[in-house]
Amino acid sequence: MERKIAQMNAKIEKMERDKETKEDLKNVALGTSKINYLDPRITIAWCKRHEVPVEKIINKSLLAKFSWAMDEDPCFRF
């Protein structure tokens, strides 16, 4: 029983931390740097090199905008 209580307390603490983090980052536009500051060829080459699906990093609208970068080689260096 004590183990279950400890697990629940740990879960509650994690949820509270996650809530605080979400609240802190609410006003930060995380996608802005992907659009304005990063060359999409770098991001796409990194995804290909590390076998990460590009869709996990770049949303559909940006993929459409940067479709020209999809042909980039995984060894692309800026």
PDB file of N, CA and C in Angstrom:
ATOM      1  N   MET A   1       0.822  -1.191   0.000  1.00  0.00           N
ATOM      2  CA  MET A   1       0.000   0.000   0.000  1.00  0.00           C
ATOM      3  C   MET A   1       0.874   1.267   0.000  1.00  0.00           C
ATOM      4  N   GLU A   2       1.934   1.251   0.811  1.00  0.00           N
ATOM      5  CA  GLU A   2       2.823   2.415   0.872  1.00  0.00           C
ATOM      6  C   GLU A   2       3.528   2.636  -0.464  1.00  0.00           C
ATOM      7  N   ARG A   3       3.843   1.532  -1.134  1.00  0.00           N
ATOM      8  CA  ARG A   3       4.496   1.628  -2.438  1.00  0.00           C
ATOM      9  C   ARG A   3       3.578   2.313  -3.448  1.00  0.00           C
ATOM     10  N   LYS A   4       2.311   1.965  -3.415  1.00  0.00           N
ATOM     11  CA  LYS A   4       1.328   2.581  -4.317  1.00  0.00           C
ATOM     12  C   LYS A   4       1.198   4.081  -4.039  1.00  0.00           C
ATOM     13  N   ILE A   5       1.180   4.433  -2.764  1.00  0.00           N
ATOM     14  CA  ILE A   5       1.080   5.847  -2.386  1.00  0.00           C
ATOM     15  C   ILE A   5       2.306   6.607  -2.876  1.00  0.00           C
ATOM     16  N   ALA A   6       3.478   6.013  -2.711  1.00  0.00           N
ATOM     17  CA  ALA A   6       4.717   6.649  -3.173  1.00  0.00           C
ATOM     18  C   ALA A   6       4.705   6.826  -4.687  1.00  0.00           C
ATOM     19  N   GLN A   7       4.211   5.815  -5.404  1.00  0.00           N
ATOM     20  CA  GLN A   7       4.127   5.908  -6.859  1.00  0.00           C
ATOM     21  C   GLN A   7       3.167   7.019  -7.279  1.00  0.00           C
ATOM     22  N   MET A   8       2.043   7.100  -6.605  1.00  0.00           N
ATOM     23  CA  MET A   8       1.059   8.136  -6.930  1.00  0.00           C
ATOM     24  C   MET A   8       1.619   9.527  -6.636  1.00  0.00           C
ATOM     25  N   ASN A   9       2.333   9.667  -5.516  1.00  0.00           N
ATOM     26  CA  ASN A   9       2.942  10.955  -5.181  1.00  0.00           C
ATOM     27  C   ASN A   9       3.975  11.358  -6.233  1.00  0.00           C
ATOM     28  N   ALA A  10       4.768  10.402  -6.689  1.00  0.00           N
ATOM     29  CA  ALA A  10       5.760  10.677  -7.727  1.00  0.00           C
ATOM     30  C   ALA A  10       5.066  11.100  -9.020  1.00  0.00           C
ATOM     31  N   LYS A  11       3.975  10.442  -9.336  1.00  0.00           N
ATOM     32  CA  LYS A  11       3.215  10.767 -10.545  1.00  0.00           C
ATOM     33  C   LYS A  11       2.631  12.180 -10.450  1.00  0.00           C
ATOM     34  N   ILE A  12       2.113  12.523  -9.279  1.00  0.00           N
ATOM     35  CA  ILE A  12       1.546  13.861  -9.065  1.00  0.00           C
ATOM     36  C   ILE A  12       2.628  14.924  -9.207  1.00  0.00           C
ATOM     37  N   GLU A  13       3.804  14.678  -8.621  1.00  0.00           N
ATOM     38  CA  GLU A  13       4.910  15.631  -8.719  1.00  0.00           C
ATOM     39  C   GLU A  13       5.328  15.835 -10.175  1.00  0.00           C
ATOM     40  N   LYS A  14       5.393  14.744 -10.925  1.00  0.00           N
ATOM     41  CA  LYS A  14       5.771  14.838 -12.342  1.00  0.00           C
ATOM     42  C   LYS A  14       4.739  15.648 -13.115  1.00  0.00           C
ATOM     43  N   MET A  15       3.474  15.401 -12.841  1.00  0.00           N
ATOM     44  CA  MET A  15       2.417  16.136 -13.529  1.00  0.00           C
ATOM     45  C   MET A  15       2.477  17.627 -13.194  1.00  0.00           C
ATOM     46  N   GLU A  16       2.782  17.952 -11.945  1.00  0.00           N
ATOM     47  CA  GLU A  16       2.895  19.356 -11.542  1.00  0.00           C
ATOM     48  C   GLU A  16       4.073  20.027 -12.244  1.00  0.00           C
ATOM     49  N   ARG A  17       5.213  19.308 -12.346  1.00  0.00           N
ATOM     50  CA  ARG A  17       6.379  19.853 -13.057  1.00  0.00           C
ATOM     51  C   ARG A  17       6.054  20.067 -14.530  1.00  0.00           C
ATOM     52  N   ASP A  18       5.378  19.089 -15.132  1.00  0.00           N
ATOM     53  CA  ASP A  18       4.998  19.209 -16.540  1.00  0.00           C
ATOM     54  C   ASP A  18       4.063  20.398 -16.759  1.00  0.00           C
ATOM     55  N   LYS A  19       3.143  20.596 -15.828  1.00  0.00           N
ATOM     56  CA  LYS A  19       2.208  21.714 -15.927  1.00  0.00           C
ATOM     57  C   LYS A  19       2.951  23.046 -15.838  1.00  0.00           C
ATOM     58  N   GLU A  20       3.912  23.140 -14.905  1.00  0.00           N
ATOM     59  CA  GLU A  20       4.705  24.361 -14.759  1.00  0.00           C
ATOM     60  C   GLU A  20       5.520  24.632 -16.022  1.00  0.00           C
ATOM     61  N   THR A  21       6.121  23.595 -16.563  1.00  0.00           N
ATOM     62  CA  THR A  21       6.919  23.747 -17.783  1.00  0.00           C
ATOM     63  C   THR A  21       6.046  24.225 -18.927  1.00  0.00           C
ATOM     64  N   LYS A  22       4.887  23.626 -19.066  1.00  0.00           N
ATOM     65  CA  LYS A  22       3.967  24.019 -20.133  1.00  0.00           C
ATOM     66  C   LYS A  22       3.552  25.474 -19.967  1.00  0.00           C
ATOM     67  N   GLU A  23       3.285  25.869 -18.749  1.00  0.00           N
ATOM     68  CA  GLU A  23       2.882  27.246 -18.471  1.00  0.00           C
ATOM     69  C   GLU A  23       4.027  28.215 -18.776  1.00  0.00           C
ATOM     70  N   ASP A  24       5.249  27.839 -18.403  1.00  0.00           N
ATOM     71  CA  ASP A  24       6.412  28.695 -18.650  1.00  0.00           C
ATOM     72  C   ASP A  24       6.681  28.875 -20.141  1.00  0.00           C
ATOM     73  N   LEU A  25       6.447  27.831 -20.925  1.00  0.00           N
ATOM     74  CA  LEU A  25       6.749  27.869 -22.355  1.00  0.00           C
ATOM     75  C   LEU A  25       5.569  28.307 -23.215  1.00  0.00           C
ATOM     76  N   LYS A  26       4.465  28.639 -22.576  1.00  0.00           N
ATOM     77  CA  LYS A  26       3.252  28.958 -23.317  1.00  0.00           C
ATOM     78  C   LYS A  26       3.458  30.132 -24.276  1.00  0.00           C
ATOM     79  N   ASN A  27       4.235  31.106 -23.865  1.00  0.00           N
ATOM     80  CA  ASN A  27       4.414  32.300 -24.682  1.00  0.00           C
ATOM     81  C   ASN A  27       5.630  32.233 -25.600  1.00  0.00           C
ATOM     82  N   VAL A  28       6.322  31.123 -25.603  1.00  0.00           N
ATOM     83  CA  VAL A  28       7.503  30.976 -26.446  1.00  0.00           C
ATOM     84  C   VAL A  28       7.097  30.288 -27.744  1.00  0.00           C
ATOM     85  N   ALA A  29       7.377  30.922 -28.847  1.00  0.00           N
ATOM     86  CA  ALA A  29       7.063  30.336 -30.150  1.00  0.00           C
ATOM     87  C   ALA A  29       8.234  29.458 -30.577  1.00  0.00           C
ATOM     88  N   LEU A  30       8.148  28.181 -30.260  1.00  0.00           N
ATOM     89  CA  LEU A  30       9.253  27.277 -30.537  1.00  0.00           C
ATOM     90  C   LEU A  30       9.461  27.048 -32.027  1.00  0.00           C
ATOM     91  N   GLY A  31       8.446  27.198 -32.824  1.00  0.00           N
ATOM     92  CA  GLY A  31       8.572  26.975 -34.253  1.00  0.00           C
ATOM     93  C   GLY A  31       9.229  28.127 -34.998  1.00  0.00           C
ATOM     94  N   THR A  32       9.305  29.291 -34.378  1.00  0.00           N
ATOM     95  CA  THR A  32       9.851  30.468 -35.047  1.00  0.00           C
ATOM     96  C   THR A  32      11.282  30.255 -35.508  1.00  0.00           C
ATOM     97  N   SER A  33      12.100  29.655 -34.672  1.00  0.00           N
ATOM     98  CA  SER A  33      13.498  29.469 -35.058  1.00  0.00           C
ATOM     99  C   SER A  33      13.624  28.509 -36.230  1.00  0.00           C
ATOM    100  N   LYS A  34      12.734  27.520 -36.301  1.00  0.00           N
ATOM    101  CA  LYS A  34      12.769  26.587 -37.431  1.00  0.00           C
ATOM    102  C   LYS A  34      12.484  27.312 -38.741  1.00  0.00           C
ATOM    103  N   ILE A  35      11.623  28.300 -38.696  1.00  0.00           N
ATOM    104  CA  ILE A  35      11.242  29.016 -39.908  1.00  0.00           C
ATOM    105  C   ILE A  35      12.280  30.080 -40.274  1.00  0.00           C
ATOM    106  N   ASN A  36      12.688  30.866 -39.291  1.00  0.00           N
ATOM    107  CA  ASN A  36      13.486  32.049 -39.585  1.00  0.00           C
ATOM    108  C   ASN A  36      14.994  31.877 -39.479  1.00  0.00           C
ATOM    109  N   TYR A  37      15.468  30.963 -38.663  1.00  0.00           N
ATOM    110  CA  TYR A  37      16.893  30.932 -38.383  1.00  0.00           C
ATOM    111  C   TYR A  37      17.611  29.672 -38.844  1.00  0.00           C
ATOM    112  N   LEU A  38      16.909  28.565 -38.956  1.00  0.00           N
ATOM    113  CA  LEU A  38      17.555  27.317 -39.358  1.00  0.00           C
ATOM    114  C   LEU A  38      17.375  27.060 -40.846  1.00  0.00           C
ATOM    115  N   ASP A  39      18.458  26.707 -41.498  1.00  0.00           N
ATOM    116  CA  ASP A  39      18.377  26.278 -42.891  1.00  0.00           C
ATOM    117  C   ASP A  39      17.684  24.915 -42.882  1.00  0.00           C
ATOM    118  N   PRO A  40      16.571  24.753 -43.582  1.00  0.00           N
ATOM    119  CA  PRO A  40      15.841  23.482 -43.535  1.00  0.00           C
ATOM    120  C   PRO A  40      16.675  22.300 -44.015  1.00  0.00           C
ATOM    121  N   ARG A  41      17.674  22.560 -44.857  1.00  0.00           N
ATOM    122  CA  ARG A  41      18.534  21.468 -45.326  1.00  0.00           C
ATOM    123  C   ARG A  41      19.303  20.843 -44.172  1.00  0.00           C
ATOM    124  N   ILE A  42      19.680  21.657 -43.192  1.00  0.00           N
ATOM    125  CA  ILE A  42      20.411  21.142 -42.025  1.00  0.00           C
ATOM    126  C   ILE A  42      19.508  20.219 -41.223  1.00  0.00           C
ATOM    127  N   THR A  43      18.290  20.670 -40.953  1.00  0.00           N
ATOM    128  CA  THR A  43      17.345  19.874 -40.174  1.00  0.00           C
ATOM    129  C   THR A  43      17.010  18.568 -40.881  1.00  0.00           C
ATOM    130  N   ILE A  44      16.737  18.641 -42.166  1.00  0.00           N
ATOM    131  CA  ILE A  44      16.358  17.449 -42.926  1.00  0.00           C
ATOM    132  C   ILE A  44      17.525  16.478 -43.030  1.00  0.00           C
ATOM    133  N   ALA A  45      18.735  16.996 -43.264  1.00  0.00           N
ATOM    134  CA  ALA A  45      19.912  16.123 -43.327  1.00  0.00           C
ATOM    135  C   ALA A  45      20.131  15.433 -41.988  1.00  0.00           C
ATOM    136  N   TRP A  46      19.933  16.162 -40.883  1.00  0.00           N
ATOM    137  CA  TRP A  46      20.101  15.566 -39.550  1.00  0.00           C
ATOM    138  C   TRP A  46      19.080  14.446 -39.352  1.00  0.00           C
ATOM    139  N   CYS A  47      17.838  14.701 -39.730  1.00  0.00           N
ATOM    140  CA  CYS A  47      16.794  13.677 -39.591  1.00  0.00           C
ATOM    141  C   CYS A  47      17.146  12.427 -40.390  1.00  0.00           C
ATOM    142  N   LYS A  48      17.597  12.620 -41.615  1.00  0.00           N
ATOM    143  CA  LYS A  48      17.956  11.471 -42.450  1.00  0.00           C
ATOM    144  C   LYS A  48      19.148  10.724 -41.869  1.00  0.00           C
ATOM    145  N   ARG A  49      20.152  11.465 -41.400  1.00  0.00           N
ATOM    146  CA  ARG A  49      21.359  10.852 -40.861  1.00  0.00           C
ATOM    147  C   ARG A  49      21.060  10.026 -39.609  1.00  0.00           C
ATOM    148  N   HIS A  50      20.143  10.508 -38.782  1.00  0.00           N
ATOM    149  CA  HIS A  50      19.822   9.829 -37.522  1.00  0.00           C
ATOM    150  C   HIS A  50      18.541   9.006 -37.600  1.00  0.00           C
ATOM    151  N   GLU A  51      18.013   8.855 -38.816  1.00  0.00           N
ATOM    152  CA  GLU A  51      16.819   8.050 -39.076  1.00  0.00           C
ATOM    153  C   GLU A  51      15.618   8.476 -38.230  1.00  0.00           C
ATOM    154  N   VAL A  52      15.451   9.788 -38.111  1.00  0.00           N
ATOM    155  CA  VAL A  52      14.306  10.363 -37.408  1.00  0.00           C
ATOM    156  C   VAL A  52      13.313  10.816 -38.479  1.00  0.00           C
ATOM    157  N   PRO A  53      12.054  10.419 -38.377  1.00  0.00           N
ATOM    158  CA  PRO A  53      11.075  10.873 -39.374  1.00  0.00           C
ATOM    159  C   PRO A  53      10.992  12.406 -39.389  1.00  0.00           C
ATOM    160  N   VAL A  54      11.144  12.987 -40.547  1.00  0.00           N
ATOM    161  CA  VAL A  54      11.131  14.442 -40.692  1.00  0.00           C
ATOM    162  C   VAL A  54       9.824  15.018 -40.156  1.00  0.00           C
ATOM    163  N   GLU A  55       8.733  14.268 -40.308  1.00  0.00           N
ATOM    164  CA  GLU A  55       7.420  14.734 -39.857  1.00  0.00           C
ATOM    165  C   GLU A  55       7.360  14.928 -38.344  1.00  0.00           C
ATOM    166  N   LYS A  56       8.264  14.295 -37.604  1.00  0.00           N
ATOM    167  CA  LYS A  56       8.299  14.461 -36.144  1.00  0.00           C
ATOM    168  C   LYS A  56       8.915  15.803 -35.760  1.00  0.00           C
ATOM    169  N   ILE A  57       9.733  16.374 -36.651  1.00  0.00           N
ATOM    170  CA  ILE A  57      10.456  17.606 -36.354  1.00  0.00           C
ATOM    171  C   ILE A  57       9.823  18.819 -37.033  1.00  0.00           C
ATOM    172  N   ILE A  58       9.394  18.636 -38.271  1.00  0.00           N
ATOM    173  CA  ILE A  58       8.853  19.741 -39.067  1.00  0.00           C
ATOM    174  C   ILE A  58       7.389  19.454 -39.382  1.00  0.00           C
ATOM    175  N   ASN A  59       6.513  20.433 -39.104  1.00  0.00           N
ATOM    176  CA  ASN A  59       5.084  20.213 -39.353  1.00  0.00           C
ATOM    177  C   ASN A  59       4.773  20.222 -40.851  1.00  0.00           C
ATOM    178  N   LYS A  60       3.558  19.820 -41.192  1.00  0.00           N
ATOM    179  CA  LYS A  60       3.169  19.631 -42.595  1.00  0.00           C
ATOM    180  C   LYS A  60       3.272  20.916 -43.413  1.00  0.00           C
ATOM    181  N   SER A  61       2.869  22.028 -42.837  1.00  0.00           N
ATOM    182  CA  SER A  61       2.907  23.274 -43.606  1.00  0.00           C
ATOM    183  C   SER A  61       4.341  23.688 -43.918  1.00  0.00           C
ATOM    184  N   LEU A  62       5.254  23.478 -42.965  1.00  0.00           N
ATOM    185  CA  LEU A  62       6.661  23.799 -43.233  1.00  0.00           C
ATOM    186  C   LEU A  62       7.273  22.814 -44.218  1.00  0.00           C
ATOM    187  N   LEU A  63       6.843  21.546 -44.155  1.00  0.00           N
ATOM    188  CA  LEU A  63       7.331  20.569 -45.131  1.00  0.00           C
ATOM    189  C   LEU A  63       6.935  20.991 -46.545  1.00  0.00           C
ATOM    190  N   ALA A  64       5.721  21.499 -46.690  1.00  0.00           N
ATOM    191  CA  ALA A  64       5.279  21.963 -48.005  1.00  0.00           C
ATOM    192  C   ALA A  64       6.090  23.182 -48.442  1.00  0.00           C
ATOM    193  N   LYS A  65       6.349  24.082 -47.504  1.00  0.00           N
ATOM    194  CA  LYS A  65       7.106  25.292 -47.807  1.00  0.00           C
ATOM    195  C   LYS A  65       8.554  24.972 -48.180  1.00  0.00           C
ATOM    196  N   PHE A  66       9.141  23.996 -47.491  1.00  0.00           N
ATOM    197  CA  PHE A  66      10.543  23.648 -47.709  1.00  0.00           C
ATOM    198  C   PHE A  66      10.700  22.338 -48.479  1.00  0.00           C
ATOM    199  N   SER A  67       9.767  22.043 -49.356  1.00  0.00           N
ATOM    200  CA  SER A  67       9.833  20.778 -50.098  1.00  0.00           C
ATOM    201  C   SER A  67      11.117  20.665 -50.915  1.00  0.00           C
ATOM    202  N   TRP A  68      11.666  21.789 -51.324  1.00  0.00           N
ATOM    203  CA  TRP A  68      12.907  21.799 -52.094  1.00  0.00           C
ATOM    204  C   TRP A  68      14.081  21.225 -51.301  1.00  0.00           C
ATOM    205  N   ALA A  69      14.004  21.257 -49.987  1.00  0.00           N
ATOM    206  CA  ALA A  69      15.107  20.774 -49.149  1.00  0.00           C
ATOM    207  C   ALA A  69      15.044  19.267 -48.913  1.00  0.00           C
ATOM    208  N   MET A  70      13.929  18.635 -49.273  1.00  0.00           N
ATOM    209  CA  MET A  70      13.766  17.203 -48.998  1.00  0.00           C
ATOM    210  C   MET A  70      14.732  16.330 -49.791  1.00  0.00           C
ATOM    211  N   ASP A  71      15.266  16.838 -50.883  1.00  0.00           N
ATOM    212  CA  ASP A  71      16.190  16.058 -51.708  1.00  0.00           C
ATOM    213  C   ASP A  71      17.624  16.109 -51.189  1.00  0.00           C
ATOM    214  N   GLU A  72      17.826  16.774 -50.080  1.00  0.00           N
ATOM    215  CA  GLU A  72      19.183  16.956 -49.561  1.00  0.00           C
ATOM    216  C   GLU A  72      19.790  15.649 -49.093  1.00  0.00           C
ATOM    217  N   ASP A  73      21.082  15.534 -49.286  1.00  0.00           N
ATOM    218  CA  ASP A  73      21.856  14.361 -48.885  1.00  0.00           C
ATOM    219  C   ASP A  73      22.008  14.340 -47.359  1.00  0.00           C
ATOM    220  N   PRO A  74      21.966  13.161 -46.720  1.00  0.00           N
ATOM    221  CA  PRO A  74      22.136  13.080 -45.262  1.00  0.00           C
ATOM    222  C   PRO A  74      23.481  13.624 -44.780  1.00  0.00           C
ATOM    223  N   CYS A  75      24.447  13.736 -45.672  1.00  0.00           N
ATOM    224  CA  CYS A  75      25.779  14.231 -45.291  1.00  0.00           C
ATOM    225  C   CYS A  75      25.921  15.729 -45.534  1.00  0.00           C
ATOM    226  N   PHE A  76      24.816  16.428 -45.777  1.00  0.00           N
ATOM    227  CA  PHE A  76      24.868  17.866 -46.041  1.00  0.00           C
ATOM    228  C   PHE A  76      25.560  18.593 -44.901  1.00  0.00           C
ATOM    229  N   ARG A  77      26.489  19.482 -45.265  1.00  0.00           N
ATOM    230  CA  ARG A  77      27.177  20.320 -44.275  1.00  0.00           C
ATOM    231  C   ARG A  77      27.026  21.762 -44.719  1.00  0.00           C
ATOM    232  N   PHE A  78      26.673  22.622 -43.802  1.00  0.00           N
ATOM    233  CA  PHE A  78      26.468  24.035 -44.107  1.00  0.00           C
ATOM    234  C   PHE A  78      27.791  24.755 -44.070  1.00  0.00           C
TER     235      PHE A  78
END
